[in-house]
């Protein structure tokens, strides 16, 4: 009887408390400044415009139950009133969340909690982050590719709450930043300048435009180009619409000087 009675108590207040970031039944006390916040993101946003400093998730030691207002060491169940302060709780990250449909899990290699279900992700040791299983053996590894700022909005990607996109070149950015980039007709990675999407159909359309546009005699001269996609150099005829790589047939190229061996001839 006692065990049966305790179960409803654990569920008491579920989904009724929290902040704009998480549904949870506790607040945290930030050890850095001693103030109380809904979560570490609330702390970071509140201090961004004044005494800017960030709260590492693992530093949280004290929480305040929102059901009974008792301050206590971080744990899943309130030591006073017996409610779950979060249906999901990670003792490493001191992370609470009542919305378990997110399928939260802790990755020991990342050192933080992720969402989406452990069975749906793998940790790439070289990239230093968890990727969806569909990308296993199907992505280009870039060392610590997630441990830098998004090249568009400059938010740190590794523990960002927003969805990320892994480009064909292996570099990463926010999914929404990626689509905004495409809307502005920017189709290359901002970091390495390789094509960010499959451009084959666009290159073939450009082939037709180049063939239909005859250059005046004064502009029929050769230039050296460097291909941002395959990193090969080619010598081709100048054209105002673009220069096609002789190796991979990409138009993602730029003019360059002749190769050193060519210049010495």
Protein backbone atom coordinates (compact mmCIF):
# COMPACT_ATOMS: atom_id res chain seq x y z
CA UNK A 1 0.00 0.00 0.00
CA UNK A 2 2.80 2.39 0.87
CA UNK A 3 4.56 1.79 -2.46
CA UNK A 4 1.30 2.32 -4.34
CA UNK A 5 0.64 5.57 -2.50
CA UNK A 6 4.10 6.95 -3.26
CA UNK A 7 3.71 6.72 -7.04
CA UNK A 8 1.08 9.49 -7.37
CA UNK A 9 3.24 11.67 -5.14
CA UNK A 10 6.19 11.31 -7.50
CA UNK A 11 3.97 12.51 -10.35
CA UNK A 12 2.51 15.46 -8.42
CA UNK A 13 2.89 18.78 -10.26
CA UNK A 14 4.24 17.19 -13.44
CA UNK A 15 4.20 19.65 -16.38
CA UNK A 16 2.90 22.44 -14.12
CA UNK A 17 6.27 24.06 -13.41
CA UNK A 18 9.36 25.11 -15.29
CA UNK A 19 10.83 27.88 -17.43
CA UNK A 20 10.76 28.77 -21.12
CA UNK A 21 13.40 26.13 -21.79
CA UNK A 22 12.25 23.10 -19.76
CA UNK A 23 9.27 21.68 -17.85
CA UNK A 24 10.65 20.75 -14.42
CA UNK A 25 9.72 20.97 -10.76
CA UNK A 26 12.79 22.72 -9.44
CA UNK A 27 14.99 25.75 -9.92
CA UNK A 28 18.76 25.81 -9.61
CA UNK A 29 21.05 27.96 -7.51
CA UNK A 30 23.99 29.14 -9.57
CA UNK A 31 27.19 28.57 -7.56
CA UNK A 32 28.99 31.32 -9.49
CA UNK A 33 26.74 34.18 -8.41
CA UNK A 34 24.47 32.61 -5.79
CA UNK A 35 21.29 33.59 -7.65
CA UNK A 36 18.31 31.31 -8.38
CA UNK A 37 17.25 30.57 -11.98
CA UNK A 38 14.90 28.25 -13.83
CA UNK A 39 17.84 26.53 -15.58
CA UNK A 40 21.37 27.26 -16.70
CA UNK A 41 20.09 28.80 -19.94
CA UNK A 42 17.99 31.23 -17.93
CA UNK A 43 21.15 32.13 -16.01
CA UNK A 44 23.23 32.64 -19.14
CA UNK A 45 20.56 34.83 -20.77
CA UNK A 46 20.09 36.91 -17.61
CA UNK A 47 23.80 37.63 -17.27
CA UNK A 48 24.44 38.20 -20.99
CA UNK A 49 23.72 41.94 -20.81
CA UNK A 50 25.39 42.66 -17.45
CA UNK A 51 28.07 40.59 -15.75
CA UNK A 52 28.38 38.10 -18.61
CA UNK A 53 29.37 34.64 -17.47
CA UNK A 54 28.10 31.16 -18.25
CA UNK A 55 27.12 28.41 -15.86
CA UNK A 56 28.65 24.99 -16.66
CA UNK A 57 25.97 22.35 -16.19
CA UNK A 58 28.18 20.14 -14.04
CA UNK A 59 28.76 22.92 -11.49
CA UNK A 60 25.16 22.90 -10.23
CA UNK A 61 25.05 21.59 -6.66
CA UNK A 62 21.85 23.01 -5.12
CA UNK A 63 18.24 23.04 -6.35
CA UNK A 64 14.97 24.41 -4.96
CA UNK A 65 11.84 22.25 -5.20
CA UNK A 66 9.03 24.27 -6.78
CA UNK A 67 6.35 22.19 -5.04
CA UNK A 68 7.49 22.71 -1.44
CA UNK A 69 10.19 25.41 -1.85
CA UNK A 70 12.87 23.31 -0.14
CA UNK A 71 16.51 23.96 -1.09
CA UNK A 72 18.60 20.80 -1.19
CA UNK A 73 21.46 19.01 -2.95
CA UNK A 74 20.67 18.08 -6.56
CA UNK A 75 18.79 14.76 -6.79
CA UNK A 76 15.83 13.37 -8.71
CA UNK A 77 13.37 13.15 -5.81
CA UNK A 78 12.72 16.04 -3.42
CA UNK A 79 14.05 15.16 0.02
CA UNK A 80 11.12 16.96 1.68
CA UNK A 81 7.89 16.40 -0.27
CA UNK A 82 8.88 13.32 -2.29
CA UNK A 83 8.03 14.52 -5.82
CA UNK A 84 10.12 13.83 -8.88
CA UNK A 85 11.72 17.18 -9.63
CA UNK A 86 12.15 15.88 -13.17
CA UNK A 87 10.84 12.73 -14.87
CA UNK A 88 14.22 12.61 -16.59
CA UNK A 89 17.17 13.35 -14.33
CA UNK A 90 20.88 13.07 -15.05
CA UNK A 91 23.11 13.09 -11.99
CA UNK A 92 26.16 13.96 -14.09
CA UNK A 93 24.68 17.03 -15.82
CA UNK A 94 22.30 17.88 -12.94
CA UNK A 95 19.67 18.09 -15.67
CA UNK A 96 15.91 17.84 -15.08
CA UNK A 97 13.08 17.59 -17.62
CA UNK A 98 9.46 16.42 -17.32
CA UNK A 99 9.00 15.99 -21.09
CA UNK A 100 10.43 12.50 -21.57
CA UNK A 101 9.08 12.30 -25.14
CA UNK A 102 12.33 14.02 -26.11
CA UNK A 103 14.03 10.65 -25.38
CA UNK A 104 16.88 12.20 -23.43
CA UNK A 105 20.04 10.21 -22.82
CA UNK A 106 23.47 10.94 -21.41
CA UNK A 107 26.48 10.38 -23.67
CA UNK A 108 29.60 9.62 -21.67
CA UNK A 109 31.86 10.54 -24.60
CA UNK A 110 30.16 13.91 -25.15
CA UNK A 111 29.92 14.41 -21.40
CA UNK A 112 26.43 15.91 -21.73
CA UNK A 113 22.81 14.85 -22.28
CA UNK A 114 21.37 14.56 -25.77
CA UNK A 115 17.83 14.07 -27.11
CA UNK A 116 16.42 11.70 -29.72
CA UNK A 117 16.98 8.26 -28.14
CA UNK A 118 20.29 6.55 -27.47
CA UNK A 119 19.47 3.79 -29.95
CA UNK A 120 19.14 6.34 -32.77
CA UNK A 121 22.58 7.92 -32.37
CA UNK A 122 26.24 6.98 -32.38
CA UNK A 123 29.22 8.93 -31.07
CA UNK A 124 31.85 9.78 -33.68
CA UNK A 125 35.16 9.86 -31.86
CA UNK A 126 36.92 12.02 -34.44
CA UNK A 127 34.13 14.57 -34.86
CA UNK A 128 33.68 14.53 -31.08
CA UNK A 129 29.88 14.44 -31.06
CA UNK A 130 26.78 12.28 -31.40
CA UNK A 131 25.38 11.93 -34.91
CA UNK A 132 22.21 10.21 -36.13
CA UNK A 133 22.75 6.58 -37.18
CA UNK A 134 22.07 7.39 -40.85
CA UNK A 135 25.40 9.24 -40.92
CA UNK A 136 27.48 6.28 -39.70
CA UNK A 137 30.14 5.69 -42.38
CA UNK A 138 28.32 8.28 -44.52
CA UNK A 139 29.87 11.56 -43.36
CA UNK A 140 33.25 13.17 -43.80
CA UNK A 141 34.95 13.37 -40.41
CA UNK A 142 36.36 16.72 -39.30
CA UNK A 143 38.13 16.67 -35.96
CA UNK A 144 35.93 18.23 -33.25
CA UNK A 145 33.60 19.56 -35.94
CA UNK A 146 30.85 20.41 -33.43
CA UNK A 147 33.12 22.11 -30.93
CA UNK A 148 33.10 25.54 -32.54
CA UNK A 149 30.71 28.37 -33.28
CA UNK A 150 28.10 28.20 -36.03
CA UNK A 151 29.73 30.06 -38.96
CA UNK A 152 26.47 31.97 -39.56
CA UNK A 153 25.17 33.05 -36.13
CA UNK A 154 28.32 32.35 -34.06
CA UNK A 155 26.47 30.35 -31.35
CA UNK A 156 28.51 27.46 -29.90
CA UNK A 157 27.23 24.30 -31.58
CA UNK A 158 28.27 21.46 -29.28
CA UNK A 159 25.57 22.03 -26.65
CA UNK A 160 23.19 24.23 -28.63
CA UNK A 161 19.46 23.59 -28.19
CA UNK A 162 18.90 24.13 -31.92
CA UNK A 163 19.13 21.40 -34.57
CA UNK A 164 22.39 21.20 -36.49
CA UNK A 165 23.22 20.24 -40.07
CA UNK A 166 26.35 18.33 -41.12
CA UNK A 167 27.47 19.46 -44.58
CA UNK A 168 29.00 17.14 -47.18
CA UNK A 169 32.40 18.63 -46.36
CA UNK A 170 32.02 17.61 -42.69
CA UNK A 171 31.61 21.11 -41.26
CA UNK A 172 28.53 21.93 -39.23
CA UNK A 173 26.05 24.77 -38.69
CA UNK A 174 22.54 25.27 -37.37
CA UNK A 175 19.85 23.73 -39.58
CA UNK A 176 17.91 27.00 -39.76
CA UNK A 177 21.10 28.97 -40.50
CA UNK A 178 21.85 26.53 -43.33
CA UNK A 179 18.44 27.15 -44.93
CA UNK A 180 18.74 30.89 -44.47
CA UNK A 181 22.10 30.74 -46.26
CA UNK A 182 20.49 28.91 -49.21
CA UNK A 183 17.68 31.48 -49.35
CA UNK A 184 20.37 34.13 -49.92
CA UNK A 185 21.78 32.09 -52.83
CA UNK A 186 24.89 31.09 -50.91
CA UNK A 187 25.66 27.46 -51.72
CA UNK A 188 29.16 26.98 -50.34
CA UNK A 189 30.44 26.14 -46.87
CA UNK A 190 31.49 29.39 -45.14
CA UNK A 191 34.53 27.62 -43.67
CA UNK A 192 36.11 25.64 -46.53
CA UNK A 193 34.10 26.99 -49.52
CA UNK A 194 33.18 23.55 -50.83
CA UNK A 195 29.68 23.13 -52.26
CA UNK A 196 27.21 22.71 -49.38
CA UNK A 197 24.63 20.80 -51.45
CA UNK A 198 24.59 18.70 -54.61
CA UNK A 199 24.98 21.29 -57.38
CA UNK A 200 25.02 18.92 -60.38
CA UNK A 201 21.77 20.17 -61.91
CA UNK A 202 22.78 23.80 -61.44
CA UNK A 203 26.15 23.16 -63.09
CA UNK A 204 24.44 21.55 -66.10
CA UNK A 205 22.13 24.57 -66.44
CA UNK A 206 25.19 26.79 -66.31
CA UNK A 207 26.76 24.66 -69.06
CA UNK A 208 23.86 25.61 -71.32
CA UNK A 209 24.13 29.30 -70.43
CA UNK A 210 27.88 29.34 -71.09
CA UNK A 211 27.42 27.58 -74.45
CA UNK A 212 24.76 30.10 -75.45
CA UNK A 213 26.88 33.12 -74.49
CA UNK A 214 29.72 33.70 -76.95
CA UNK A 215 32.52 35.84 -75.58
CA UNK A 216 33.90 38.70 -77.75
CA UNK A 217 37.25 38.07 -79.43
CA UNK A 218 39.07 40.38 -76.98
CA UNK A 219 37.99 38.16 -74.08
CA UNK A 220 38.97 34.83 -75.58
CA UNK A 221 42.02 34.12 -73.48
CA UNK A 222 42.95 31.41 -71.00
CA UNK A 223 43.05 31.70 -67.20
CA UNK A 224 44.13 29.38 -64.41
CA UNK A 225 41.41 28.39 -61.95
CA UNK A 226 41.37 26.60 -58.59
CA UNK A 227 38.40 24.34 -57.78
CA UNK A 228 37.04 24.71 -54.26
CA UNK A 229 35.39 21.28 -54.51
CA UNK A 230 38.21 18.99 -55.68
CA UNK A 231 41.19 21.33 -55.06
CA UNK A 232 42.56 20.82 -58.58
CA UNK A 233 43.86 23.58 -60.85
CA UNK A 234 42.92 23.89 -64.52
CA UNK A 235 43.72 26.18 -67.43
CA UNK A 236 40.56 27.12 -69.31
CA UNK A 237 39.15 29.88 -71.48
CA UNK A 238 37.82 32.90 -69.59
CA UNK A 239 34.06 33.30 -69.44
CA UNK A 240 32.05 35.99 -67.69
CA UNK A 241 29.43 33.50 -66.42
CA UNK A 242 31.82 31.11 -64.71
CA UNK A 243 34.76 28.77 -65.02
CA UNK A 244 34.26 25.01 -65.11
CA UNK A 245 36.73 22.69 -63.41
CA UNK A 246 38.27 20.26 -65.91
CA UNK A 247 38.55 17.58 -63.22
CA UNK A 248 35.14 17.43 -61.44
CA UNK A 249 33.08 19.75 -63.71
CA UNK A 250 32.16 22.07 -60.84
CA UNK A 251 31.75 25.81 -61.34
CA UNK A 252 32.68 26.42 -57.69
CA UNK A 253 36.03 27.81 -58.79
CA UNK A 254 38.16 30.95 -58.52
CA UNK A 255 40.90 32.36 -60.69
CA UNK A 256 44.43 31.83 -59.48
CA UNK A 257 48.02 32.07 -60.64
CA UNK A 258 49.64 29.42 -62.80
CA UNK A 259 51.16 26.46 -60.91
CA UNK A 260 54.76 26.96 -59.83
CA UNK A 261 56.07 24.41 -62.35
CA UNK A 262 54.11 26.11 -65.12
CA UNK A 263 55.41 29.56 -64.19
CA UNK A 264 59.02 28.36 -64.39
CA UNK A 265 58.71 27.25 -68.02
